[in-house]
Amino acid sequence: MFVLVACHKGVPEGNMKNGQVALTFDDASIDNWYDNLRLLDSLKIKATFYICNYHTLSKQQKERLKEMERRGHEIAYHTTTHADLAKEVARNGLAQTEEKEILQDLYKMRADGFKVENFAYPYGSHTAQLNTCLLRTFKSVRALSNKQNYYKSLVGETGEKNVLYGANADNNSRLKDDKIISLMNDAKDHHDCLVLVAHQINNPALALQISKQRLQLIAQNAKEKGLRFVTVSEIVK
């Protein structure tokens, strides 16, 4: 899933001279993302990829993640099995959920040399208890905004330093092109950072995908407004 994130209030006014955009992708579509690296490069987009199901990846897919990292993209974490964590905690308790869904694959990723520092909730499902728990391990956690309040995707709007909210920018979402452009205008006007969330790239056969045309629109608008694409680690320090 792909997300745009806004920068938090801890950043002094002026550090984000013209605003920023954090473009994020969720799940484990390694091959699709890798095949579209040239497109992202051509648009001067650096993104954050939140990975789930790491234990199922092939050696080649892990090598592709390494190449994505070498090219300036961030590799982050999205649970072991893409479970709804709030439901898991209600069924099995916090300690068991943390061991199974957070630590198991996180240890594997770090053992393979990935510097994993940020986390995204599957389905955006979270609680204050989970935030407190996970912020002991990660620098930030990311949930989702919705049509009632897309402005939470502007980091400075939330008032929560390390709890980010991403707006779903897949083509099948309720967030249409004009609203994305409006949020980008707000990021520029308020020296803020916008977080967007997507899944696959340029795959019309899939509902959860962001098209080449929408990526081009976002990149062109960012260029015109002087907005800079950043990874989540660049905004949460």
C-alpha atoms as a PDB file:
ATOM      1  CA  MET A   1       0.000   0.000   0.000  1.00  0.00           C
ATOM      2  CA  PHE A   2       1.285   3.495  -0.831  1.00  0.00           C
ATOM      3  CA  VAL A   3       1.042   6.440   1.552  1.00  0.00           C
ATOM      4  CA  LEU A   4       1.939  10.153   1.687  1.00  0.00           C
ATOM      5  CA  VAL A   5       3.017  11.392   5.182  1.00  0.00           C
ATOM      6  CA  ALA A   6       3.296  14.900   6.583  1.00  0.00           C
ATOM      7  CA  CYS A   7       6.212  16.024   8.764  1.00  0.00           C
ATOM      8  CA  HIS A   8       5.687  16.363  12.513  1.00  0.00           C
ATOM      9  CA  LYS A   9       5.548  19.509  14.625  1.00  0.00           C
ATOM     10  CA  GLY A  10       8.956  18.840  16.152  1.00  0.00           C
ATOM     11  CA  VAL A  11      10.541  20.110  12.939  1.00  0.00           C
ATOM     12  CA  PRO A  12      11.152  23.886  13.304  1.00  0.00           C
ATOM     13  CA  GLU A  13       9.342  26.222  10.921  1.00  0.00           C
ATOM     14  CA  GLY A  14      11.513  26.734   7.886  1.00  0.00           C
ATOM     15  CA  ASN A  15      13.216  23.322   7.853  1.00  0.00           C
ATOM     16  CA  MET A  16      10.662  22.201   5.283  1.00  0.00           C
ATOM     17  CA  LYS A  17      11.091  25.243   3.120  1.00  0.00           C
ATOM     18  CA  ASN A  18       8.488  24.317   0.511  1.00  0.00           C
ATOM     19  CA  GLY A  19       6.996  21.201   2.077  1.00  0.00           C
ATOM     20  CA  GLN A  20       7.559  17.493   1.619  1.00  0.00           C
ATOM     21  CA  VAL A  21       5.838  14.313   0.474  1.00  0.00           C
ATOM     22  CA  ALA A  22       6.415  10.844   1.955  1.00  0.00           C
ATOM     23  CA  LEU A  23       5.246   8.202  -0.492  1.00  0.00           C
ATOM     24  CA  THR A  24       4.848   4.766   1.091  1.00  0.00           C
ATOM     25  CA  PHE A  25       3.984   1.293  -0.210  1.00  0.00           C
ATOM     26  CA  ASP A  26       2.648  -1.613   1.862  1.00  0.00           C
ATOM     27  CA  ASP A  27       2.820  -5.422   1.780  1.00  0.00           C
ATOM     28  CA  ALA A  28       5.238  -7.635  -0.184  1.00  0.00           C
ATOM     29  CA  SER A  29       4.933  -6.840  -3.888  1.00  0.00           C
ATOM     30  CA  ILE A  30       8.711  -6.944  -4.255  1.00  0.00           C
ATOM     31  CA  ASP A  31       8.831  -7.930  -7.908  1.00  0.00           C
ATOM     32  CA  ASN A  32       6.247  -5.338  -8.963  1.00  0.00           C
ATOM     33  CA  TRP A  33       8.077  -2.577  -7.085  1.00  0.00           C
ATOM     34  CA  TYR A  34      11.466  -3.645  -8.422  1.00  0.00           C
ATOM     35  CA  ASP A  35      10.152  -3.671 -11.995  1.00  0.00           C
ATOM     36  CA  ASN A  36       9.017  -0.058 -11.519  1.00  0.00           C
ATOM     37  CA  LEU A  37      12.215   1.341  -9.995  1.00  0.00           C
ATOM     38  CA  ARG A  38      13.112   2.996 -13.281  1.00  0.00           C
ATOM     39  CA  LEU A  39       9.729   4.776 -13.265  1.00  0.00           C
ATOM     40  CA  LEU A  40      10.280   6.020  -9.699  1.00  0.00           C
ATOM     41  CA  ASP A  41      13.795   7.158 -10.602  1.00  0.00           C
ATOM     42  CA  SER A  42      12.520   9.024 -13.653  1.00  0.00           C
ATOM     43  CA  LEU A  43      10.022  10.874 -11.432  1.00  0.00           C
ATOM     44  CA  LYS A  44      12.703  11.562  -8.778  1.00  0.00           C
ATOM     45  CA  ILE A  45      10.626   9.738  -6.179  1.00  0.00           C
ATOM     46  CA  LYS A  46      12.230   8.155  -3.129  1.00  0.00           C
ATOM     47  CA  ALA A  47       9.721   5.980  -1.265  1.00  0.00           C
ATOM     48  CA  THR A  48       9.317   3.897   1.887  1.00  0.00           C
ATOM     49  CA  PHE A  49       8.331   0.236   1.486  1.00  0.00           C
ATOM     50  CA  TYR A  50       6.665  -1.442   4.493  1.00  0.00           C
ATOM     51  CA  ILE A  51       7.273  -5.213   4.249  1.00  0.00           C
ATOM     52  CA  CYS A  52       5.129  -8.067   5.562  1.00  0.00           C
ATOM     53  CA  ASN A  53       5.618 -11.834   5.119  1.00  0.00           C
ATOM     54  CA  TYR A  54       9.389 -11.434   4.931  1.00  0.00           C
ATOM     55  CA  HIS A  55       9.851 -15.105   5.883  1.00  0.00           C
ATOM     56  CA  THR A  56       8.198 -16.136   2.580  1.00  0.00           C
ATOM     57  CA  LEU A  57      10.493 -14.093   0.304  1.00  0.00           C
ATOM     58  CA  SER A  58      12.906 -15.792  -2.058  1.00  0.00           C
ATOM     59  CA  LYS A  59      16.623 -15.090  -2.084  1.00  0.00           C
ATOM     60  CA  GLN A  60      16.157 -13.068  -5.282  1.00  0.00           C
ATOM     61  CA  GLN A  61      13.394 -10.966  -3.722  1.00  0.00           C
ATOM     62  CA  LYS A  62      15.583 -10.202  -0.705  1.00  0.00           C
ATOM     63  CA  GLU A  63      18.384  -9.161  -3.070  1.00  0.00           C
ATOM     64  CA  ARG A  64      15.905  -6.908  -4.874  1.00  0.00           C
ATOM     65  CA  LEU A  65      14.974  -5.256  -1.574  1.00  0.00           C
ATOM     66  CA  LYS A  66      18.684  -4.642  -0.991  1.00  0.00           C
ATOM     67  CA  GLU A  67      18.965  -3.000  -4.407  1.00  0.00           C
ATOM     68  CA  MET A  68      15.941  -0.801  -3.643  1.00  0.00           C
ATOM     69  CA  GLU A  69      17.660   0.261  -0.415  1.00  0.00           C
ATOM     70  CA  ARG A  70      20.904   1.016  -2.243  1.00  0.00           C
ATOM     71  CA  ARG A  71      18.987   3.278  -4.614  1.00  0.00           C
ATOM     72  CA  GLY A  72      17.799   5.472  -1.753  1.00  0.00           C
ATOM     73  CA  HIS A  73      14.451   3.911  -0.848  1.00  0.00           C
ATOM     74  CA  GLU A  74      13.652   2.919   2.729  1.00  0.00           C
ATOM     75  CA  ILE A  75      12.744  -0.620   3.809  1.00  0.00           C
ATOM     76  CA  ALA A  76      10.364  -0.650   6.797  1.00  0.00           C
ATOM     77  CA  TYR A  77       8.136  -3.161   8.610  1.00  0.00           C
ATOM     78  CA  HIS A  78       4.483  -4.278   8.238  1.00  0.00           C
ATOM     79  CA  THR A  79       4.164  -7.393  10.524  1.00  0.00           C
ATOM     80  CA  THR A  80       4.955 -11.076  10.017  1.00  0.00           C
ATOM     81  CA  THR A  81       1.642 -12.176   8.444  1.00  0.00           C
ATOM     82  CA  HIS A  82      -0.291  -8.937   7.742  1.00  0.00           C
ATOM     83  CA  ALA A  83      -2.534  -9.538  10.757  1.00  0.00           C
ATOM     84  CA  ASP A  84      -5.026  -7.063  12.208  1.00  0.00           C
ATOM     85  CA  LEU A  85      -3.052  -6.272  15.372  1.00  0.00           C
ATOM     86  CA  ALA A  86      -5.947  -4.858  17.391  1.00  0.00           C
ATOM     87  CA  LYS A  87      -7.891  -8.114  16.863  1.00  0.00           C
ATOM     88  CA  GLU A  88      -4.800 -10.220  17.562  1.00  0.00           C
ATOM     89  CA  VAL A  89      -4.243  -8.476  20.884  1.00  0.00           C
ATOM     90  CA  ALA A  90      -7.909  -8.948  21.858  1.00  0.00           C
ATOM     91  CA  ARG A  91      -7.629 -12.691  21.113  1.00  0.00           C
ATOM     92  CA  ASN A  92      -4.112 -13.543  22.249  1.00  0.00           C
ATOM     93  CA  GLY A  93      -2.794 -10.708  24.389  1.00  0.00           C
ATOM     94  CA  LEU A  94      -0.138  -8.101  23.733  1.00  0.00           C
ATOM     95  CA  ALA A  95       2.955 -10.174  24.565  1.00  0.00           C
ATOM     96  CA  GLN A  96       2.057 -13.076  22.280  1.00  0.00           C
ATOM     97  CA  THR A  97       1.045 -10.735  19.466  1.00  0.00           C
ATOM     98  CA  GLU A  98       4.298  -8.816  19.736  1.00  0.00           C
ATOM     99  CA  GLU A  99       6.368 -12.009  19.644  1.00  0.00           C
ATOM    100  CA  LYS A 100       4.535 -13.482  16.641  1.00  0.00           C
ATOM    101  CA  GLU A 101       3.686 -10.476  14.502  1.00  0.00           C
ATOM    102  CA  ILE A 102       6.479  -8.035  15.317  1.00  0.00           C
ATOM    103  CA  LEU A 103       9.608  -9.773  16.510  1.00  0.00           C
ATOM    104  CA  GLN A 104       9.688 -12.937  14.389  1.00  0.00           C
ATOM    105  CA  ASP A 105      10.227 -11.389  10.965  1.00  0.00           C
ATOM    106  CA  LEU A 106      11.808  -8.209  12.311  1.00  0.00           C
ATOM    107  CA  TYR A 107      14.696 -10.274  13.695  1.00  0.00           C
ATOM    108  CA  LYS A 108      15.048 -11.993  10.310  1.00  0.00           C
ATOM    109  CA  MET A 109      15.161  -8.693   8.425  1.00  0.00           C
ATOM    110  CA  ARG A 110      17.722  -7.170  10.766  1.00  0.00           C
ATOM    111  CA  ALA A 111      19.830 -10.340  10.652  1.00  0.00           C
ATOM    112  CA  ASP A 112      19.881  -9.966   6.861  1.00  0.00           C
ATOM    113  CA  GLY A 113      21.273  -6.452   7.232  1.00  0.00           C
ATOM    114  CA  PHE A 114      18.173  -4.291   6.796  1.00  0.00           C
ATOM    115  CA  LYS A 115      18.054  -1.183   8.987  1.00  0.00           C
ATOM    116  CA  VAL A 116      14.365  -1.382   9.874  1.00  0.00           C
ATOM    117  CA  GLU A 117      13.238   1.590  11.977  1.00  0.00           C
ATOM    118  CA  ASN A 118       9.616   2.374  11.084  1.00  0.00           C
ATOM    119  CA  PHE A 119       6.333   0.456  11.153  1.00  0.00           C
ATOM    120  CA  ALA A 120       2.918   0.519   9.434  1.00  0.00           C
ATOM    121  CA  TYR A 121      -0.250  -1.124  10.766  1.00  0.00           C
ATOM    122  CA  PRO A 122      -2.051  -3.572   8.444  1.00  0.00           C
ATOM    123  CA  TYR A 123      -5.497  -2.149   7.652  1.00  0.00           C
ATOM    124  CA  GLY A 124      -4.513   0.860   9.788  1.00  0.00           C
ATOM    125  CA  SER A 125      -5.865  -1.080  12.794  1.00  0.00           C
ATOM    126  CA  HIS A 126      -4.250   0.253  15.975  1.00  0.00           C
ATOM    127  CA  THR A 127      -4.790   1.249  19.595  1.00  0.00           C
ATOM    128  CA  ALA A 128      -3.020   3.556  22.024  1.00  0.00           C
ATOM    129  CA  GLN A 129      -1.683   0.458  23.804  1.00  0.00           C
ATOM    130  CA  LEU A 130      -0.147  -0.837  20.567  1.00  0.00           C
ATOM    131  CA  ASN A 131       1.361   2.568  19.799  1.00  0.00           C
ATOM    132  CA  THR A 132       3.059   2.654  23.205  1.00  0.00           C
ATOM    133  CA  CYS A 133       4.351  -0.891  22.795  1.00  0.00           C
ATOM    134  CA  LEU A 134       5.656  -0.518  19.248  1.00  0.00           C
ATOM    135  CA  LEU A 135       7.294   2.863  19.783  1.00  0.00           C
ATOM    136  CA  ARG A 136       9.727   1.072  22.094  1.00  0.00           C
ATOM    137  CA  THR A 137      10.987  -0.771  18.993  1.00  0.00           C
ATOM    138  CA  PHE A 138      10.338   1.659  16.126  1.00  0.00           C
ATOM    139  CA  LYS A 139      10.864   5.381  15.620  1.00  0.00           C
ATOM    140  CA  SER A 140       7.370   5.750  14.185  1.00  0.00           C
ATOM    141  CA  VAL A 141       4.130   3.867  13.579  1.00  0.00           C
ATOM    142  CA  ARG A 142       1.805   4.628  10.691  1.00  0.00           C
ATOM    143  CA  ALA A 143      -1.953   4.201  10.606  1.00  0.00           C
ATOM    144  CA  LEU A 144      -4.422   5.474   7.971  1.00  0.00           C
ATOM    145  CA  SER A 145      -6.487   8.614   7.570  1.00  0.00           C
ATOM    146  CA  ASN A 146      -9.916   8.481   5.950  1.00  0.00           C
ATOM    147  CA  LYS A 147     -12.475  10.624   4.160  1.00  0.00           C
ATOM    148  CA  GLN A 148     -13.639  12.113   7.479  1.00  0.00           C
ATOM    149  CA  ASN A 149     -10.200  13.627   8.067  1.00  0.00           C
ATOM    150  CA  TYR A 150      -7.615  13.318   5.305  1.00  0.00           C
ATOM    151  CA  TYR A 151      -5.832  16.280   6.883  1.00  0.00           C
ATOM    152  CA  LYS A 152      -4.393  13.883   9.477  1.00  0.00           C
ATOM    153  CA  SER A 153      -2.077  12.813   6.646  1.00  0.00           C
ATOM    154  CA  LEU A 154      -0.346  16.137   7.117  1.00  0.00           C
ATOM    155  CA  VAL A 155       2.037  15.252   9.930  1.00  0.00           C
ATOM    156  CA  GLY A 156       1.826  18.618  11.622  1.00  0.00           C
ATOM    157  CA  GLU A 157      -1.969  18.361  11.896  1.00  0.00           C
ATOM    158  CA  THR A 158      -2.010  15.350  14.221  1.00  0.00           C
ATOM    159  CA  GLY A 159      -0.095  16.688  17.216  1.00  0.00           C
ATOM    160  CA  GLU A 160       1.372  13.191  17.663  1.00  0.00           C
ATOM    161  CA  LYS A 161       5.106  13.265  17.128  1.00  0.00           C
ATOM    162  CA  ASN A 162       5.703   9.648  16.050  1.00  0.00           C
ATOM    163  CA  VAL A 163       2.213   8.419  15.128  1.00  0.00           C
ATOM    164  CA  LEU A 164       1.723   9.083  11.417  1.00  0.00           C
ATOM    165  CA  TYR A 165      -1.391   8.736   9.269  1.00  0.00           C
ATOM    166  CA  GLY A 166      -1.332   7.992   5.546  1.00  0.00           C
ATOM    167  CA  ALA A 167      -3.989   8.731   2.953  1.00  0.00           C
ATOM    168  CA  ASN A 168      -4.762   5.826   0.618  1.00  0.00           C
ATOM    169  CA  ALA A 169      -3.707   6.970  -2.859  1.00  0.00           C
ATOM    170  CA  ASP A 170      -4.465   3.762  -4.771  1.00  0.00           C
ATOM    171  CA  ASN A 171      -6.618   4.431  -7.825  1.00  0.00           C
ATOM    172  CA  ASN A 172      -9.637   2.646  -6.305  1.00  0.00           C
ATOM    173  CA  SER A 173      -9.632   4.791  -3.152  1.00  0.00           C
ATOM    174  CA  ARG A 174     -12.027   7.631  -2.366  1.00  0.00           C
ATOM    175  CA  LEU A 175      -9.096  10.041  -2.564  1.00  0.00           C
ATOM    176  CA  LYS A 176      -9.263  11.466  -6.078  1.00  0.00           C
ATOM    177  CA  ASP A 177      -6.651  13.440  -8.002  1.00  0.00           C
ATOM    178  CA  ASP A 178      -8.042  16.858  -7.081  1.00  0.00           C
ATOM    179  CA  LYS A 179      -7.996  16.059  -3.347  1.00  0.00           C
ATOM    180  CA  ILE A 180      -4.406  14.786  -3.547  1.00  0.00           C
ATOM    181  CA  ILE A 181      -3.414  18.048  -5.227  1.00  0.00           C
ATOM    182  CA  SER A 182      -5.282  20.017  -2.546  1.00  0.00           C
ATOM    183  CA  LEU A 183      -3.399  18.172   0.223  1.00  0.00           C
ATOM    184  CA  MET A 184      -0.112  18.853  -1.567  1.00  0.00           C
ATOM    185  CA  ASN A 185      -1.042  22.554  -1.661  1.00  0.00           C
ATOM    186  CA  ASP A 186      -1.583  22.404   2.113  1.00  0.00           C
ATOM    187  CA  ALA A 187       1.821  20.750   2.601  1.00  0.00           C
ATOM    188  CA  LYS A 188       3.461  23.588   0.701  1.00  0.00           C
ATOM    189  CA  ASP A 189       1.477  26.397   2.325  1.00  0.00           C
ATOM    190  CA  HIS A 190       2.072  25.122   5.873  1.00  0.00           C
ATOM    191  CA  HIS A 191       5.660  23.885   5.427  1.00  0.00           C
ATOM    192  CA  ASP A 192       4.371  20.408   6.215  1.00  0.00           C
ATOM    193  CA  CYS A 193       4.832  16.880   4.930  1.00  0.00           C
ATOM    194  CA  LEU A 194       2.088  14.784   3.344  1.00  0.00           C
ATOM    195  CA  VAL A 195       1.937  10.979   3.699  1.00  0.00           C
ATOM    196  CA  LEU A 196       0.340   8.841   0.990  1.00  0.00           C
ATOM    197  CA  VAL A 197      -0.169   5.047   1.017  1.00  0.00           C
ATOM    198  CA  ALA A 198      -0.319   2.663  -1.934  1.00  0.00           C
ATOM    199  CA  HIS A 199       0.251  -1.003  -2.757  1.00  0.00           C
ATOM    200  CA  GLN A 200       1.329  -2.108  -6.222  1.00  0.00           C
ATOM    201  CA  ILE A 201       2.517   0.206  -9.000  1.00  0.00           C
ATOM    202  CA  ASN A 202       0.973   0.467 -12.463  1.00  0.00           C
ATOM    203  CA  ASN A 203      -0.911  -2.849 -12.385  1.00  0.00           C
ATOM    204  CA  PRO A 204      -4.413  -2.238 -13.819  1.00  0.00           C
ATOM    205  CA  ALA A 205      -5.412  -5.848 -13.117  1.00  0.00           C
ATOM    206  CA  LEU A 206      -5.258  -5.161  -9.376  1.00  0.00           C
ATOM    207  CA  ALA A 207      -7.592  -2.929  -7.361  1.00  0.00           C
ATOM    208  CA  LEU A 208      -4.896  -1.950  -4.856  1.00  0.00           C
ATOM    209  CA  GLN A 209      -2.532  -0.172  -7.231  1.00  0.00           C
ATOM    210  CA  ILE A 210      -1.453   3.332  -8.115  1.00  0.00           C
ATOM    211  CA  SER A 211      -1.287   3.995 -11.833  1.00  0.00           C
ATOM    212  CA  LYS A 212       1.643   5.416 -13.731  1.00  0.00           C
ATOM    213  CA  GLN A 213      -0.545   8.384 -14.640  1.00  0.00           C
ATOM    214  CA  ARG A 214      -1.361   9.186 -10.995  1.00  0.00           C
ATOM    215  CA  LEU A 215       2.306   8.898 -10.003  1.00  0.00           C
ATOM    216  CA  GLN A 216       3.223  11.251 -12.849  1.00  0.00           C
ATOM    217  CA  LEU A 217       0.554  13.709 -11.700  1.00  0.00           C
ATOM    218  CA  ILE A 218       1.872  13.664  -8.120  1.00  0.00           C
ATOM    219  CA  ALA A 219       5.487  14.027  -9.254  1.00  0.00           C
ATOM    220  CA  GLN A 220       4.707  16.878 -11.662  1.00  0.00           C
ATOM    221  CA  ASN A 221       2.691  18.709  -9.019  1.00  0.00           C
ATOM    222  CA  ALA A 222       5.493  18.266  -6.484  1.00  0.00           C
ATOM    223  CA  LYS A 223       7.987  19.673  -8.992  1.00  0.00           C
ATOM    224  CA  GLU A 224       5.805  22.698  -9.730  1.00  0.00           C
ATOM    225  CA  LYS A 225       5.330  23.430  -6.011  1.00  0.00           C
ATOM    226  CA  GLY A 226       8.930  22.698  -4.992  1.00  0.00           C
ATOM    227  CA  LEU A 227       7.864  19.806  -2.739  1.00  0.00           C
ATOM    228  CA  ARG A 228      10.598  17.263  -1.955  1.00  0.00           C
ATOM    229  CA  PHE A 229      10.025  13.499  -1.793  1.00  0.00           C
ATOM    230  CA  VAL A 230      11.381  12.068   1.472  1.00  0.00           C
ATOM    231  CA  THR A 231      11.516   8.710   3.239  1.00  0.00           C
ATOM    232  CA  VAL A 232       9.853   8.240   6.617  1.00  0.00           C
ATOM    233  CA  SER A 233      13.257   8.103   8.332  1.00  0.00           C
ATOM    234  CA  GLU A 234      13.972  11.600   7.030  1.00  0.00           C
ATOM    235  CA  ILE A 235      10.944  13.058   8.807  1.00  0.00           C
ATOM    236  CA  VAL A 236      11.028  11.035  12.033  1.00  0.00           C
ATOM    237  CA  LYS A 237      14.401  11.548  13.705  1.00  0.00           C
END
